[in-house]
């Protein structure tokens, strides 16, 4: 058993551990492990803090994005309402313009009818006066008859034109 390799490895390991213990190596190893554990704990705490900060930033970003979307929707809705209002105003102006033009055209037509009626009456009165004059001249004779014809024709002419 003394000649086996495993025995000598075990003896060497025990001697190595005794030397390390005498030199104070275990304290250094435990201090190193404790320091590493402390660094890892600090890094974990820092990572947790950064994660919470990132979550806060993300929540703030989402909130701002939601506000921006609401504001954009409000702007679009306002623009749509403004466009509808402008279209309604344009339609109202167009209807008003058409109404004014229609009334103007109707007034012009009525005026033309009045003028045409007056011209027809005047032409009819002139024709009636000429016919009456011819008939009366043929049937009546003398100076008194001529004066009577002129007087009555002037009266007929005035009445027909009125």
Protein backbone atom coordinates (compact mmCIF):
# COMPACT_ATOMS: atom_id res chain seq x y z
CA UNK A 1 0.00 0.00 0.00
CA UNK A 2 2.88 2.37 0.54
CA UNK A 3 3.96 1.96 -2.99
CA UNK A 4 0.74 2.96 -4.68
CA UNK A 5 0.46 6.32 -6.37
CA UNK A 6 -2.83 7.20 -4.75
CA UNK A 7 -1.26 6.90 -1.28
CA UNK A 8 1.54 9.32 -2.10
CA UNK A 9 -0.94 11.77 -3.71
CA UNK A 10 -3.00 11.71 -0.52
CA UNK A 11 0.12 12.27 1.63
CA UNK A 12 1.24 15.16 -0.58
CA UNK A 13 -2.22 16.69 -0.40
CA UNK A 14 -2.30 16.52 3.41
CA UNK A 15 1.19 18.07 3.63
CA UNK A 16 0.16 20.81 1.23
CA UNK A 17 -2.93 21.60 3.33
CA UNK A 18 -0.82 21.75 6.52
CA UNK A 19 1.62 24.16 4.91
CA UNK A 20 -1.19 26.35 3.60
CA UNK A 21 -2.81 26.38 7.05
CA UNK A 22 0.47 27.32 8.78
CA UNK A 23 1.16 30.13 6.38
CA UNK A 24 -2.39 31.50 6.84
CA UNK A 25 -3.53 30.64 3.36
CA UNK A 26 -6.99 29.59 4.52
CA UNK A 27 -7.62 33.08 5.89
CA UNK A 28 -6.55 34.60 2.60
CA UNK A 29 -8.68 32.15 0.61
CA UNK A 30 -11.73 32.82 2.80
CA UNK A 31 -11.06 36.58 2.70
CA UNK A 32 -10.77 36.39 -1.11
CA UNK A 33 -13.98 34.36 -1.35
CA UNK A 34 -15.75 36.78 1.01
CA UNK A 35 -14.51 39.75 -1.05
CA UNK A 36 -15.70 38.07 -4.25
CA UNK A 37 -19.08 37.32 -2.65
CA UNK A 38 -19.34 40.96 -1.56
CA UNK A 39 -18.47 42.17 -5.11
CA UNK A 40 -21.04 39.79 -6.62
CA UNK A 41 -23.65 41.01 -4.07
CA UNK A 42 -22.82 44.65 -4.95
CA UNK A 43 -23.03 43.89 -8.66
CA UNK A 44 -26.39 42.18 -8.15
CA UNK A 45 -27.66 45.18 -6.15
CA UNK A 46 -26.40 47.53 -8.89
CA UNK A 47 -28.04 45.37 -11.56
CA UNK A 48 -31.32 45.38 -9.58
CA UNK A 49 -31.13 49.19 -9.22
CA UNK A 50 -30.38 49.62 -12.94
CA UNK A 51 -33.27 47.27 -13.81
CA UNK A 52 -35.65 49.30 -11.64
CA UNK A 53 -34.37 52.52 -13.18
CA UNK A 54 -34.78 51.06 -16.69
CA UNK A 55 -38.31 49.94 -15.79
CA UNK A 56 -39.07 53.51 -14.62
CA UNK A 57 -37.65 54.95 -17.83
CA UNK A 58 -39.65 52.45 -19.88
CA UNK A 59 -42.85 53.30 -17.99
CA UNK A 60 -42.17 57.01 -18.52
CA UNK A 61 -41.54 56.39 -22.22
CA UNK A 62 -44.80 54.41 -22.52
CA UNK A 63 -46.70 57.16 -20.70
CA UNK A 64 -45.22 59.86 -22.95
CA UNK A 65 -45.97 57.79 -26.04
CA UNK A 66 -49.57 57.33 -24.91
CA UNK A 67 -49.86 61.08 -24.27
CA UNK A 68 -48.35 61.83 -27.70
CA UNK A 69 -50.79 59.41 -29.35
CA UNK A 70 -53.73 61.04 -27.54
CA UNK A 71 -52.46 64.47 -28.55
CA UNK A 72 -52.06 63.33 -32.16
CA UNK A 73 -55.60 61.91 -32.12
CA UNK A 74 -56.88 65.19 -30.69
CA UNK A 75 -55.06 67.13 -33.42
CA UNK A 76 -56.48 64.86 -36.12
CA UNK A 77 -59.98 65.13 -34.65
CA UNK A 78 -59.64 68.92 -34.45
CA UNK A 79 -58.42 69.08 -38.03
CA UNK A 80 -61.29 66.86 -39.15
CA UNK A 81 -63.82 69.06 -37.31
CA UNK A 82 -62.23 72.19 -38.80
CA UNK A 83 -62.40 70.69 -42.29
CA UNK A 84 -66.05 69.74 -41.77
CA UNK A 85 -66.82 73.24 -40.48
CA UNK A 86 -65.07 74.84 -43.44
CA UNK A 87 -66.91 72.52 -45.84
CA UNK A 88 -70.24 73.41 -44.19
CA UNK A 89 -69.42 77.12 -44.41
CA UNK A 90 -68.48 76.71 -48.07
CA UNK A 91 -71.72 74.84 -48.74
CA UNK A 92 -73.72 77.56 -46.93
CA UNK A 93 -71.96 80.29 -48.93
CA UNK A 94 -72.61 78.39 -52.15
CA UNK A 95 -76.28 77.98 -51.28
CA UNK A 96 -76.52 81.68 -50.38
CA UNK A 97 -74.82 82.64 -53.65
CA UNK A 98 -77.18 80.41 -55.63
CA UNK A 99 -80.18 81.88 -53.81
CA UNK A 100 -79.03 85.45 -54.53
CA UNK A 101 -78.35 84.64 -58.18
CA UNK A 102 -81.76 82.95 -58.49
CA UNK A 103 -83.53 85.96 -56.94
CA UNK A 104 -81.56 88.30 -59.21
CA UNK A 105 -82.48 86.26 -62.27
CA UNK A 106 -86.14 86.12 -61.19
CA UNK A 107 -86.14 89.90 -60.68
CA UNK A 108 -84.62 90.42 -64.14
CA UNK A 109 -87.19 88.05 -65.67
CA UNK A 110 -90.03 89.89 -63.89
CA UNK A 111 -88.65 93.24 -65.08
CA UNK A 112 -88.36 91.92 -68.63
CA UNK A 113 -91.96 90.65 -68.42
CA UNK A 114 -93.14 94.08 -67.25
CA UNK A 115 -91.23 95.80 -70.07
CA UNK A 116 -92.54 93.33 -72.64
CA UNK A 117 -96.10 93.79 -71.38
CA UNK A 118 -95.68 97.57 -71.53
CA UNK A 119 -94.28 97.37 -75.07
CA UNK A 120 -97.13 95.09 -76.19
CA UNK A 121 -99.70 97.43 -74.64
CA UNK A 122 -98.05 100.41 -76.24
CA UNK A 123 -97.93 98.71 -79.62
CA UNK A 124 -101.56 97.56 -79.22
CA UNK A 125 -102.62 101.06 -78.19
CA UNK A 126 -100.85 102.60 -81.18
CA UNK A 127 -102.40 100.06 -83.52
CA UNK A 128 -105.86 100.60 -82.00
CA UNK A 129 -105.47 104.36 -82.29
CA UNK A 130 -104.46 104.14 -85.97
CA UNK A 131 -107.29 101.77 -86.81
CA UNK A 132 -109.77 103.93 -84.92
CA UNK A 133 -108.44 107.02 -86.64
CA UNK A 134 -108.85 105.47 -90.06
CA UNK A 135 -112.36 104.25 -89.29
CA UNK A 136 -113.46 107.56 -87.82
CA UNK A 137 -111.98 109.53 -90.71
CA UNK A 138 -113.91 107.44 -93.16
CA UNK A 139 -117.19 107.82 -91.31
CA UNK A 140 -116.95 111.36 -89.97
CA UNK A 141 -116.41 114.44 -92.03
CA UNK A 142 -115.60 118.04 -91.30
CA UNK A 143 -113.40 120.07 -89.01
CA UNK A 144 -115.36 119.38 -85.80
CA UNK A 145 -115.19 115.68 -86.47
CA UNK A 146 -111.41 115.89 -86.87
CA UNK A 147 -111.03 117.73 -83.55
CA UNK A 148 -113.28 115.21 -81.81
CA UNK A 149 -111.27 112.31 -83.28
CA UNK A 150 -107.96 113.82 -82.17
CA UNK A 151 -109.22 114.47 -78.67
CA UNK A 152 -110.73 111.00 -78.19
CA UNK A 153 -107.71 109.25 -79.74
CA UNK A 154 -105.36 111.07 -77.36
CA UNK A 155 -107.53 110.04 -74.43
CA UNK A 156 -107.62 106.40 -75.63
CA UNK A 157 -103.83 106.45 -76.14
CA UNK A 158 -103.25 107.76 -72.58
CA UNK A 159 -105.58 105.17 -71.02
CA UNK A 160 -104.06 102.25 -72.88
CA UNK A 161 -100.51 103.22 -71.95
CA UNK A 162 -101.32 103.62 -68.28
